[in-house]
Amino acid sequence: MGIDWFAFLTVAIVAVVAACFVVLVYSIGLRLWSAADTRAGKYTVKDDGTVGPATAGFPQPGRVQSGVRAFRALAVACFALSGLAVLYGIYLIVPQFH
């Protein structure tokens, strides 16, 4: 009985690539969600580059900046895609699902 090293290497590479994909897509979703918060006026970037709560003079809460809904929709799509990738991985691992 021998080990099929090519199959082992294939599984290892696919596992690493899939894990990186899930982390990348989820982190892009977090970044888009944060950008939507910034555009909506919840946070502001100060001159020194730090981020803090919006001041009273920042965009009025009633006036939503353009792109907030688009950023939120893209963020939710990224979260859903990463969740689907995880569920598909679980489907492949658990033999009762086949």
PDB file of N, CA and C in Angstrom:
ATOM      1  N   MET A   1       0.850  -1.181   0.000  1.00  0.00           N
ATOM      2  CA  MET A   1       0.000   0.000   0.000  1.00  0.00           C
ATOM      3  C   MET A   1       0.892   1.240   0.000  1.00  0.00           C
ATOM      4  N   GLY A   2       0.709   2.073  -0.989  1.00  0.00           N
ATOM      5  CA  GLY A   2       1.516   3.268  -1.103  1.00  0.00           C
ATOM      6  C   GLY A   2       0.657   4.527  -1.049  1.00  0.00           C
ATOM      7  N   ILE A   3       1.318   5.617  -0.852  1.00  0.00           N
ATOM      8  CA  ILE A   3       0.631   6.910  -0.801  1.00  0.00           C
ATOM      9  C   ILE A   3       0.686   7.534  -2.190  1.00  0.00           C
ATOM     10  N   ASP A   4      -0.457   7.980  -2.652  1.00  0.00           N
ATOM     11  CA  ASP A   4      -0.524   8.686  -3.930  1.00  0.00           C
ATOM     12  C   ASP A   4      -0.167  10.152  -3.649  1.00  0.00           C
ATOM     13  N   TRP A   5       1.123  10.466  -3.812  1.00  0.00           N
ATOM     14  CA  TRP A   5       1.601  11.789  -3.439  1.00  0.00           C
ATOM     15  C   TRP A   5       1.023  12.889  -4.318  1.00  0.00           C
ATOM     16  N   PHE A   6       0.753  12.571  -5.573  1.00  0.00           N
ATOM     17  CA  PHE A   6       0.176  13.586  -6.452  1.00  0.00           C
ATOM     18  C   PHE A   6      -1.228  13.965  -5.986  1.00  0.00           C
ATOM     19  N   ALA A   7      -2.022  12.969  -5.603  1.00  0.00           N
ATOM     20  CA  ALA A   7      -3.367  13.251  -5.093  1.00  0.00           C
ATOM     21  C   ALA A   7      -3.289  14.019  -3.775  1.00  0.00           C
ATOM     22  N   PHE A   8      -2.349  13.645  -2.918  1.00  0.00           N
ATOM     23  CA  PHE A   8      -2.166  14.347  -1.651  1.00  0.00           C
ATOM     24  C   PHE A   8      -1.790  15.806  -1.889  1.00  0.00           C
ATOM     25  N   LEU A   9      -0.877  16.045  -2.800  1.00  0.00           N
ATOM     26  CA  LEU A   9      -0.454  17.407  -3.121  1.00  0.00           C
ATOM     27  C   LEU A   9      -1.601  18.200  -3.737  1.00  0.00           C
ATOM     28  N   THR A  10      -2.396  17.577  -4.585  1.00  0.00           N
ATOM     29  CA  THR A  10      -3.548  18.244  -5.195  1.00  0.00           C
ATOM     30  C   THR A  10      -4.553  18.682  -4.144  1.00  0.00           C
ATOM     31  N   VAL A  11      -4.856  17.791  -3.213  1.00  0.00           N
ATOM     32  CA  VAL A  11      -5.799  18.123  -2.144  1.00  0.00           C
ATOM     33  C   VAL A  11      -5.251  19.244  -1.269  1.00  0.00           C
ATOM     34  N   ALA A  12      -3.970  19.199  -0.960  1.00  0.00           N
ATOM     35  CA  ALA A  12      -3.363  20.234  -0.121  1.00  0.00           C
ATOM     36  C   ALA A  12      -3.412  21.596  -0.811  1.00  0.00           C
ATOM     37  N   ILE A  13      -3.100  21.629  -2.084  1.00  0.00           N
ATOM     38  CA  ILE A  13      -3.108  22.903  -2.816  1.00  0.00           C
ATOM     39  C   ILE A  13      -4.530  23.445  -2.936  1.00  0.00           C
ATOM     40  N   VAL A  14      -5.479  22.579  -3.247  1.00  0.00           N
ATOM     41  CA  VAL A  14      -6.870  23.032  -3.358  1.00  0.00           C
ATOM     42  C   VAL A  14      -7.376  23.541  -2.015  1.00  0.00           C
ATOM     43  N   ALA A  15      -7.000  22.899  -0.935  1.00  0.00           N
ATOM     44  CA  ALA A  15      -7.429  23.342   0.400  1.00  0.00           C
ATOM     45  C   ALA A  15      -6.867  24.725   0.728  1.00  0.00           C
ATOM     46  N   VAL A  16      -5.608  24.944   0.430  1.00  0.00           N
ATOM     47  CA  VAL A  16      -4.996  26.249   0.709  1.00  0.00           C
ATOM     48  C   VAL A  16      -5.627  27.333  -0.169  1.00  0.00           C
ATOM     49  N   VAL A  17      -5.828  27.046  -1.438  1.00  0.00           N
ATOM     50  CA  VAL A  17      -6.431  28.034  -2.342  1.00  0.00           C
ATOM     51  C   VAL A  17      -7.867  28.349  -1.918  1.00  0.00           C
ATOM     52  N   ALA A  18      -8.626  27.330  -1.542  1.00  0.00           N
ATOM     53  CA  ALA A  18     -10.006  27.555  -1.114  1.00  0.00           C
ATOM     54  C   ALA A  18     -10.053  28.371   0.177  1.00  0.00           C
ATOM     55  N   ALA A  19      -9.170  28.081   1.108  1.00  0.00           N
ATOM     56  CA  ALA A  19      -9.137  28.849   2.356  1.00  0.00           C
ATOM     57  C   ALA A  19      -8.777  30.305   2.080  1.00  0.00           C
ATOM     58  N   CYS A  20      -7.802  30.527   1.219  1.00  0.00           N
ATOM     59  CA  CYS A  20      -7.426  31.907   0.872  1.00  0.00           C
ATOM     60  C   CYS A  20      -8.570  32.624   0.173  1.00  0.00           C
ATOM     61  N   PHE A  21      -9.311  31.911  -0.678  1.00  0.00           N
ATOM     62  CA  PHE A  21     -10.442  32.505  -1.374  1.00  0.00           C
ATOM     63  C   PHE A  21     -11.521  32.952  -0.386  1.00  0.00           C
ATOM     64  N   VAL A  22     -11.856  32.096   0.565  1.00  0.00           N
ATOM     65  CA  VAL A  22     -12.893  32.436   1.543  1.00  0.00           C
ATOM     66  C   VAL A  22     -12.463  33.645   2.376  1.00  0.00           C
ATOM     67  N   VAL A  23     -11.227  33.654   2.826  1.00  0.00           N
ATOM     68  CA  VAL A  23     -10.736  34.777   3.631  1.00  0.00           C
ATOM     69  C   VAL A  23     -10.710  36.053   2.801  1.00  0.00           C
ATOM     70  N   LEU A  24     -10.264  35.974   1.562  1.00  0.00           N
ATOM     71  CA  LEU A  24     -10.195  37.156   0.701  1.00  0.00           C
ATOM     72  C   LEU A  24     -11.577  37.739   0.434  1.00  0.00           C
ATOM     73  N   VAL A  25     -12.530  36.896   0.072  1.00  0.00           N
ATOM     74  CA  VAL A  25     -13.873  37.385  -0.245  1.00  0.00           C
ATOM     75  C   VAL A  25     -14.533  37.980   0.992  1.00  0.00           C
ATOM     76  N   TYR A  26     -14.360  37.336   2.149  1.00  0.00           N
ATOM     77  CA  TYR A  26     -14.958  37.855   3.375  1.00  0.00           C
ATOM     78  C   TYR A  26     -14.320  39.198   3.762  1.00  0.00           C
ATOM     79  N   SER A  27     -13.003  39.312   3.610  1.00  0.00           N
ATOM     80  CA  SER A  27     -12.344  40.576   3.962  1.00  0.00           C
ATOM     81  C   SER A  27     -12.737  41.696   2.989  1.00  0.00           C
ATOM     82  N   ILE A  28     -12.955  41.373   1.730  1.00  0.00           N
ATOM     83  CA  ILE A  28     -13.446  42.386   0.791  1.00  0.00           C
ATOM     84  C   ILE A  28     -14.844  42.835   1.210  1.00  0.00           C
ATOM     85  N   GLY A  29     -15.674  41.893   1.658  1.00  0.00           N
ATOM     86  CA  GLY A  29     -16.996  42.256   2.156  1.00  0.00           C
ATOM     87  C   GLY A  29     -16.926  43.189   3.359  1.00  0.00           C
ATOM     88  N   LEU A  30     -16.007  42.910   4.282  1.00  0.00           N
ATOM     89  CA  LEU A  30     -15.839  43.798   5.437  1.00  0.00           C
ATOM     90  C   LEU A  30     -15.386  45.192   5.007  1.00  0.00           C
ATOM     91  N   ARG A  31     -14.485  45.237   4.043  1.00  0.00           N
ATOM     92  CA  ARG A  31     -13.997  46.533   3.560  1.00  0.00           C
ATOM     93  C   ARG A  31     -15.114  47.322   2.883  1.00  0.00           C
ATOM     94  N   LEU A  32     -15.940  46.651   2.106  1.00  0.00           N
ATOM     95  CA  LEU A  32     -17.061  47.333   1.456  1.00  0.00           C
ATOM     96  C   LEU A  32     -18.080  47.818   2.480  1.00  0.00           C
ATOM     97  N   TRP A  33     -18.335  47.031   3.517  1.00  0.00           N
ATOM     98  CA  TRP A  33     -19.272  47.437   4.569  1.00  0.00           C
ATOM     99  C   TRP A  33     -18.738  48.680   5.284  1.00  0.00           C
ATOM    100  N   SER A  34     -17.440  48.690   5.556  1.00  0.00           N
ATOM    101  CA  SER A  34     -16.823  49.847   6.208  1.00  0.00           C
ATOM    102  C   SER A  34     -16.881  51.080   5.304  1.00  0.00           C
ATOM    103  N   ALA A  35     -16.668  50.886   4.011  1.00  0.00           N
ATOM    104  CA  ALA A  35     -16.743  52.017   3.076  1.00  0.00           C
ATOM    105  C   ALA A  35     -18.160  52.574   3.016  1.00  0.00           C
ATOM    106  N   ALA A  36     -19.151  51.698   3.116  1.00  0.00           N
ATOM    107  CA  ALA A  36     -20.539  52.173   3.123  1.00  0.00           C
ATOM    108  C   ALA A  36     -20.814  52.982   4.382  1.00  0.00           C
ATOM    109  N   ASP A  37     -20.301  52.542   5.526  1.00  0.00           N
ATOM    110  CA  ASP A  37     -20.465  53.316   6.759  1.00  0.00           C
ATOM    111  C   ASP A  37     -19.813  54.683   6.657  1.00  0.00           C
ATOM    112  N   THR A  38     -18.635  54.725   6.057  1.00  0.00           N
ATOM    113  CA  THR A  38     -17.934  56.003   5.902  1.00  0.00           C
ATOM    114  C   THR A  38     -18.704  56.930   4.973  1.00  0.00           C
ATOM    115  N   ARG A  39     -19.206  56.393   3.858  1.00  0.00           N
ATOM    116  CA  ARG A  39     -19.983  57.221   2.924  1.00  0.00           C
ATOM    117  C   ARG A  39     -21.298  57.679   3.524  1.00  0.00           C
ATOM    118  N   ALA A  40     -21.873  56.870   4.400  1.00  0.00           N
ATOM    119  CA  ALA A  40     -23.146  57.241   5.020  1.00  0.00           C
ATOM    120  C   ALA A  40     -22.957  58.312   6.086  1.00  0.00           C
ATOM    121  N   GLY A  41     -21.725  58.576   6.456  1.00  0.00           N
ATOM    122  CA  GLY A  41     -21.457  59.625   7.436  1.00  0.00           C
ATOM    123  C   GLY A  41     -21.338  59.126   8.856  1.00  0.00           C
ATOM    124  N   LYS A  42     -21.239  57.819   9.050  1.00  0.00           N
ATOM    125  CA  LYS A  42     -21.090  57.296  10.404  1.00  0.00           C
ATOM    126  C   LYS A  42     -19.681  57.512  10.935  1.00  0.00           C
ATOM    127  N   TYR A  43     -18.712  57.510  10.044  1.00  0.00           N
ATOM    128  CA  TYR A  43     -17.314  57.715  10.421  1.00  0.00           C
ATOM    129  C   TYR A  43     -16.701  58.721   9.469  1.00  0.00           C
ATOM    130  N   THR A  44     -15.639  59.334   9.912  1.00  0.00           N
ATOM    131  CA  THR A  44     -14.929  60.280   9.066  1.00  0.00           C
ATOM    132  C   THR A  44     -13.434  60.013   9.162  1.00  0.00           C
ATOM    133  N   VAL A  45     -12.732  60.241   8.075  1.00  0.00           N
ATOM    134  CA  VAL A  45     -11.285  60.110   8.060  1.00  0.00           C
ATOM    135  C   VAL A  45     -10.717  61.502   8.285  1.00  0.00           C
ATOM    136  N   LYS A  46      -9.926  61.633   9.344  1.00  0.00           N
ATOM    137  CA  LYS A  46      -9.365  62.939   9.702  1.00  0.00           C
ATOM    138  C   LYS A  46      -8.125  63.215   8.871  1.00  0.00           C
ATOM    139  N   ASP A  47      -7.610  64.433   9.005  1.00  0.00           N
ATOM    140  CA  ASP A  47      -6.450  64.840   8.217  1.00  0.00           C
ATOM    141  C   ASP A  47      -5.213  63.995   8.498  1.00  0.00           C
ATOM    142  N   ASP A  48      -5.077  63.494   9.728  1.00  0.00           N
ATOM    143  CA  ASP A  48      -3.896  62.696  10.059  1.00  0.00           C
ATOM    144  C   ASP A  48      -4.054  61.223   9.687  1.00  0.00           C
ATOM    145  N   GLY A  49      -5.176  60.863   9.054  1.00  0.00           N
ATOM    146  CA  GLY A  49      -5.380  59.510   8.576  1.00  0.00           C
ATOM    147  C   GLY A  49      -6.124  58.601   9.529  1.00  0.00           C
ATOM    148  N   THR A  50      -6.414  59.078  10.728  1.00  0.00           N
ATOM    149  CA  THR A  50      -7.157  58.254  11.675  1.00  0.00           C
ATOM    150  C   THR A  50      -8.650  58.334  11.376  1.00  0.00           C
ATOM    151  N   VAL A  51      -9.374  57.339  11.843  1.00  0.00           N
ATOM    152  CA  VAL A  51     -10.813  57.276  11.630  1.00  0.00           C
ATOM    153  C   VAL A  51     -11.502  57.456  12.969  1.00  0.00           C
ATOM    154  N   GLY A  52     -12.535  58.299  12.973  1.00  0.00           N
ATOM    155  CA  GLY A  52     -13.283  58.536  14.192  1.00  0.00           C
ATOM    156  C   GLY A  52     -14.739  58.751  13.893  1.00  0.00           C
ATOM    157  N   PRO A  53     -15.552  58.899  14.943  1.00  0.00           N
ATOM    158  CA  PRO A  53     -16.974  59.142  14.710  1.00  0.00           C
ATOM    159  C   PRO A  53     -17.188  60.448  13.970  1.00  0.00           C
ATOM    160  N   ALA A  54     -18.252  60.491  13.206  1.00  0.00           N
ATOM    161  CA  ALA A  54     -18.546  61.685  12.422  1.00  0.00           C
ATOM    162  C   ALA A  54     -18.891  62.842  13.338  1.00  0.00           C
ATOM    163  N   THR A  55     -18.474  64.005  12.940  1.00  0.00           N
ATOM    164  CA  THR A  55     -18.786  65.208  13.708  1.00  0.00           C
ATOM    165  C   THR A  55     -20.124  65.758  13.255  1.00  0.00           C
ATOM    166  N   ALA A  56     -20.605  66.758  13.950  1.00  0.00           N
ATOM    167  CA  ALA A  56     -21.919  67.330  13.627  1.00  0.00           C
ATOM    168  C   ALA A  56     -21.933  67.967  12.247  1.00  0.00           C
ATOM    169  N   GLY A  57     -20.809  68.450  11.777  1.00  0.00           N
ATOM    170  CA  GLY A  57     -20.757  69.101  10.484  1.00  0.00           C
ATOM    171  C   GLY A  57     -20.623  68.150   9.317  1.00  0.00           C
ATOM    172  N   PHE A  58     -20.442  66.887   9.603  1.00  0.00           N
ATOM    173  CA  PHE A  58     -20.282  65.904   8.530  1.00  0.00           C
ATOM    174  C   PHE A  58     -21.636  65.645   7.892  1.00  0.00           C
ATOM    175  N   PRO A  59     -21.715  64.890   6.808  1.00  0.00           N
ATOM    176  CA  PRO A  59     -22.989  64.743   6.074  1.00  0.00           C
ATOM    177  C   PRO A  59     -24.184  64.469   6.981  1.00  0.00           C
ATOM    178  N   GLN A  60     -25.268  65.135   6.665  1.00  0.00           N
ATOM    179  CA  GLN A  60     -26.481  65.001   7.468  1.00  0.00           C
ATOM    180  C   GLN A  60     -27.032  63.583   7.352  1.00  0.00           C
ATOM    181  N   PRO A  61     -27.567  63.041   8.452  1.00  0.00           N
ATOM    182  CA  PRO A  61     -28.076  61.674   8.421  1.00  0.00           C
ATOM    183  C   PRO A  61     -29.203  61.479   7.407  1.00  0.00           C
ATOM    184  N   GLY A  62     -29.992  62.503   7.130  1.00  0.00           N
ATOM    185  CA  GLY A  62     -31.099  62.367   6.192  1.00  0.00           C
ATOM    186  C   GLY A  62     -30.644  62.271   4.751  1.00  0.00           C
ATOM    187  N   ARG A  63     -29.449  62.763   4.469  1.00  0.00           N
ATOM    188  CA  ARG A  63     -28.946  62.775   3.097  1.00  0.00           C
ATOM    189  C   ARG A  63     -27.907  61.669   2.921  1.00  0.00           C
ATOM    190  N   VAL A  64     -28.300  60.603   2.275  1.00  0.00           N
ATOM    191  CA  VAL A  64     -27.397  59.464   2.083  1.00  0.00           C
ATOM    192  C   VAL A  64     -26.531  59.716   0.859  1.00  0.00           C
ATOM    193  N   GLN A  65     -25.237  59.505   1.032  1.00  0.00           N
ATOM    194  CA  GLN A  65     -24.308  59.687  -0.077  1.00  0.00           C
ATOM    195  C   GLN A  65     -24.543  58.610  -1.140  1.00  0.00           C
ATOM    196  N   SER A  66     -24.161  58.923  -2.359  1.00  0.00           N
ATOM    197  CA  SER A  66     -24.336  57.942  -3.433  1.00  0.00           C
ATOM    198  C   SER A  66     -23.384  56.765  -3.226  1.00  0.00           C
ATOM    199  N   GLY A  67     -23.838  55.609  -3.580  1.00  0.00           N
ATOM    200  CA  GLY A  67     -22.997  54.425  -3.502  1.00  0.00           C
ATOM    201  C   GLY A  67     -23.133  53.620  -2.230  1.00  0.00           C
ATOM    202  N   VAL A  68     -23.851  54.144  -1.222  1.00  0.00           N
ATOM    203  CA  VAL A  68     -23.969  53.421   0.040  1.00  0.00           C
ATOM    204  C   VAL A  68     -24.715  52.111  -0.174  1.00  0.00           C
ATOM    205  N   ARG A  69     -25.833  52.174  -0.884  1.00  0.00           N
ATOM    206  CA  ARG A  69     -26.606  50.946  -1.124  1.00  0.00           C
ATOM    207  C   ARG A  69     -25.813  49.960  -1.975  1.00  0.00           C
ATOM    208  N   ALA A  70     -25.082  50.462  -2.939  1.00  0.00           N
ATOM    209  CA  ALA A  70     -24.280  49.582  -3.801  1.00  0.00           C
ATOM    210  C   ALA A  70     -23.179  48.896  -2.994  1.00  0.00           C
ATOM    211  N   PHE A  71     -22.499  49.663  -2.131  1.00  0.00           N
ATOM    212  CA  PHE A  71     -21.457  49.068  -1.292  1.00  0.00           C
ATOM    213  C   PHE A  71     -22.043  48.018  -0.353  1.00  0.00           C
ATOM    214  N   ARG A  72     -23.198  48.321   0.231  1.00  0.00           N
ATOM    215  CA  ARG A  72     -23.832  47.354   1.143  1.00  0.00           C
ATOM    216  C   ARG A  72     -24.240  46.087   0.376  1.00  0.00           C
ATOM    217  N   ALA A  73     -24.799  46.255  -0.815  1.00  0.00           N
ATOM    218  CA  ALA A  73     -25.216  45.092  -1.604  1.00  0.00           C
ATOM    219  C   ALA A  73     -24.007  44.234  -1.999  1.00  0.00           C
ATOM    220  N   LEU A  74     -22.919  44.870  -2.392  1.00  0.00           N
ATOM    221  CA  LEU A  74     -21.711  44.121  -2.739  1.00  0.00           C
ATOM    222  C   LEU A  74     -21.127  43.424  -1.517  1.00  0.00           C
ATOM    223  N   ALA A  75     -21.181  44.080  -0.361  1.00  0.00           N
ATOM    224  CA  ALA A  75     -20.686  43.462   0.867  1.00  0.00           C
ATOM    225  C   ALA A  75     -21.503  42.232   1.226  1.00  0.00           C
ATOM    226  N   VAL A  76     -22.814  42.346   1.142  1.00  0.00           N
ATOM    227  CA  VAL A  76     -23.679  41.198   1.440  1.00  0.00           C
ATOM    228  C   VAL A  76     -23.431  40.073   0.434  1.00  0.00           C
ATOM    229  N   ALA A  77     -23.206  40.418  -0.829  1.00  0.00           N
ATOM    230  CA  ALA A  77     -22.903  39.401  -1.840  1.00  0.00           C
ATOM    231  C   ALA A  77     -21.589  38.686  -1.511  1.00  0.00           C
ATOM    232  N   CYS A  78     -20.596  39.434  -1.049  1.00  0.00           N
ATOM    233  CA  CYS A  78     -19.326  38.814  -0.658  1.00  0.00           C
ATOM    234  C   CYS A  78     -19.512  37.889   0.537  1.00  0.00           C
ATOM    235  N   PHE A  79     -20.285  38.319   1.526  1.00  0.00           N
ATOM    236  CA  PHE A  79     -20.544  37.462   2.688  1.00  0.00           C
ATOM    237  C   PHE A  79     -21.277  36.196   2.261  1.00  0.00           C
ATOM    238  N   ALA A  80     -22.257  36.338   1.385  1.00  0.00           N
ATOM    239  CA  ALA A  80     -23.013  35.174   0.923  1.00  0.00           C
ATOM    240  C   ALA A  80     -22.122  34.221   0.129  1.00  0.00           C
ATOM    241  N   LEU A  81     -21.255  34.766  -0.712  1.00  0.00           N
ATOM    242  CA  LEU A  81     -20.360  33.933  -1.504  1.00  0.00           C
ATOM    243  C   LEU A  81     -19.388  33.159  -0.619  1.00  0.00           C
ATOM    244  N   SER A  82     -18.842  33.813   0.392  1.00  0.00           N
ATOM    245  CA  SER A  82     -17.930  33.107   1.291  1.00  0.00           C
ATOM    246  C   SER A  82     -18.683  32.046   2.097  1.00  0.00           C
ATOM    247  N   GLY A  83     -19.900  32.346   2.506  1.00  0.00           N
ATOM    248  CA  GLY A  83     -20.700  31.358   3.220  1.00  0.00           C
ATOM    249  C   GLY A  83     -21.038  30.161   2.346  1.00  0.00           C
ATOM    250  N   LEU A  84     -21.371  30.421   1.086  1.00  0.00           N
ATOM    251  CA  LEU A  84     -21.655  29.330   0.158  1.00  0.00           C
ATOM    252  C   LEU A  84     -20.426  28.462  -0.096  1.00  0.00           C
ATOM    253  N   ALA A  85     -19.260  29.087  -0.164  1.00  0.00           N
ATOM    254  CA  ALA A  85     -18.025  28.318  -0.354  1.00  0.00           C
ATOM    255  C   ALA A  85     -17.765  27.409   0.847  1.00  0.00           C
ATOM    256  N   VAL A  86     -18.014  27.912   2.042  1.00  0.00           N
ATOM    257  CA  VAL A  86     -17.845  27.086   3.246  1.00  0.00           C
ATOM    258  C   VAL A  86     -18.849  25.939   3.244  1.00  0.00           C
ATOM    259  N   LEU A  87     -20.103  26.232   2.931  1.00  0.00           N
ATOM    260  CA  LEU A  87     -21.115  25.177   2.892  1.00  0.00           C
ATOM    261  C   LEU A  87     -20.797  24.120   1.826  1.00  0.00           C
ATOM    262  N   TYR A  88     -20.271  24.548   0.693  1.00  0.00           N
ATOM    263  CA  TYR A  88     -19.887  23.591  -0.349  1.00  0.00           C
ATOM    264  C   TYR A  88     -18.734  22.709   0.126  1.00  0.00           C
ATOM    265  N   GLY A  89     -17.788  23.288   0.845  1.00  0.00           N
ATOM    266  CA  GLY A  89     -16.695  22.500   1.408  1.00  0.00           C
ATOM    267  C   GLY A  89     -17.195  21.471   2.402  1.00  0.00           C
ATOM    268  N   ILE A  90     -18.152  21.859   3.227  1.00  0.00           N
ATOM    269  CA  ILE A  90     -18.747  20.905   4.172  1.00  0.00           C
ATOM    270  C   ILE A  90     -19.484  19.813   3.416  1.00  0.00           C
ATOM    271  N   TYR A  91     -20.181  20.181   2.354  1.00  0.00           N
ATOM    272  CA  TYR A  91     -20.884  19.203   1.524  1.00  0.00           C
ATOM    273  C   TYR A  91     -19.898  18.179   0.947  1.00  0.00           C
ATOM    274  N   LEU A  92     -18.743  18.646   0.524  1.00  0.00           N
ATOM    275  CA  LEU A  92     -17.753  17.727  -0.060  1.00  0.00           C
ATOM    276  C   LEU A  92     -17.137  16.808   0.997  1.00  0.00           C
ATOM    277  N   ILE A  93     -17.031  17.286   2.224  1.00  0.00           N
ATOM    278  CA  ILE A  93     -16.382  16.509   3.265  1.00  0.00           C
ATOM    279  C   ILE A  93     -17.308  15.450   3.863  1.00  0.00           C
ATOM    280  N   VAL A  94     -18.563  15.790   4.106  1.00  0.00           N
ATOM    281  CA  VAL A  94     -19.489  14.885   4.790  1.00  0.00           C
ATOM    282  C   VAL A  94     -20.114  13.918   3.787  1.00  0.00           C
ATOM    283  N   PRO A  95     -19.841  12.614   3.909  1.00  0.00           N
ATOM    284  CA  PRO A  95     -20.330  11.666   2.906  1.00  0.00           C
ATOM    285  C   PRO A  95     -21.847  11.434   2.953  1.00  0.00           C
ATOM    286  N   GLN A  96     -22.518  11.728   4.060  1.00  0.00           N
ATOM    287  CA  GLN A  96     -23.957  11.526   4.139  1.00  0.00           C
ATOM    288  C   GLN A  96     -24.722  12.493   3.232  1.00  0.00           C
ATOM    289  N   PHE A  97     -24.107  13.566   2.816  1.00  0.00           N
ATOM    290  CA  PHE A  97     -24.779  14.554   1.966  1.00  0.00           C
ATOM    291  C   PHE A  97     -24.776  14.143   0.498  1.00  0.00           C
ATOM    292  N   HIS A  98     -24.047  13.125   0.150  1.00  0.00           N
ATOM    293  CA  HIS A  98     -23.935  12.720  -1.258  1.00  0.00           C
ATOM    294  C   HIS A  98     -24.981  11.709  -1.614  1.00  0.00           C
TER     295      HIS A  98
END
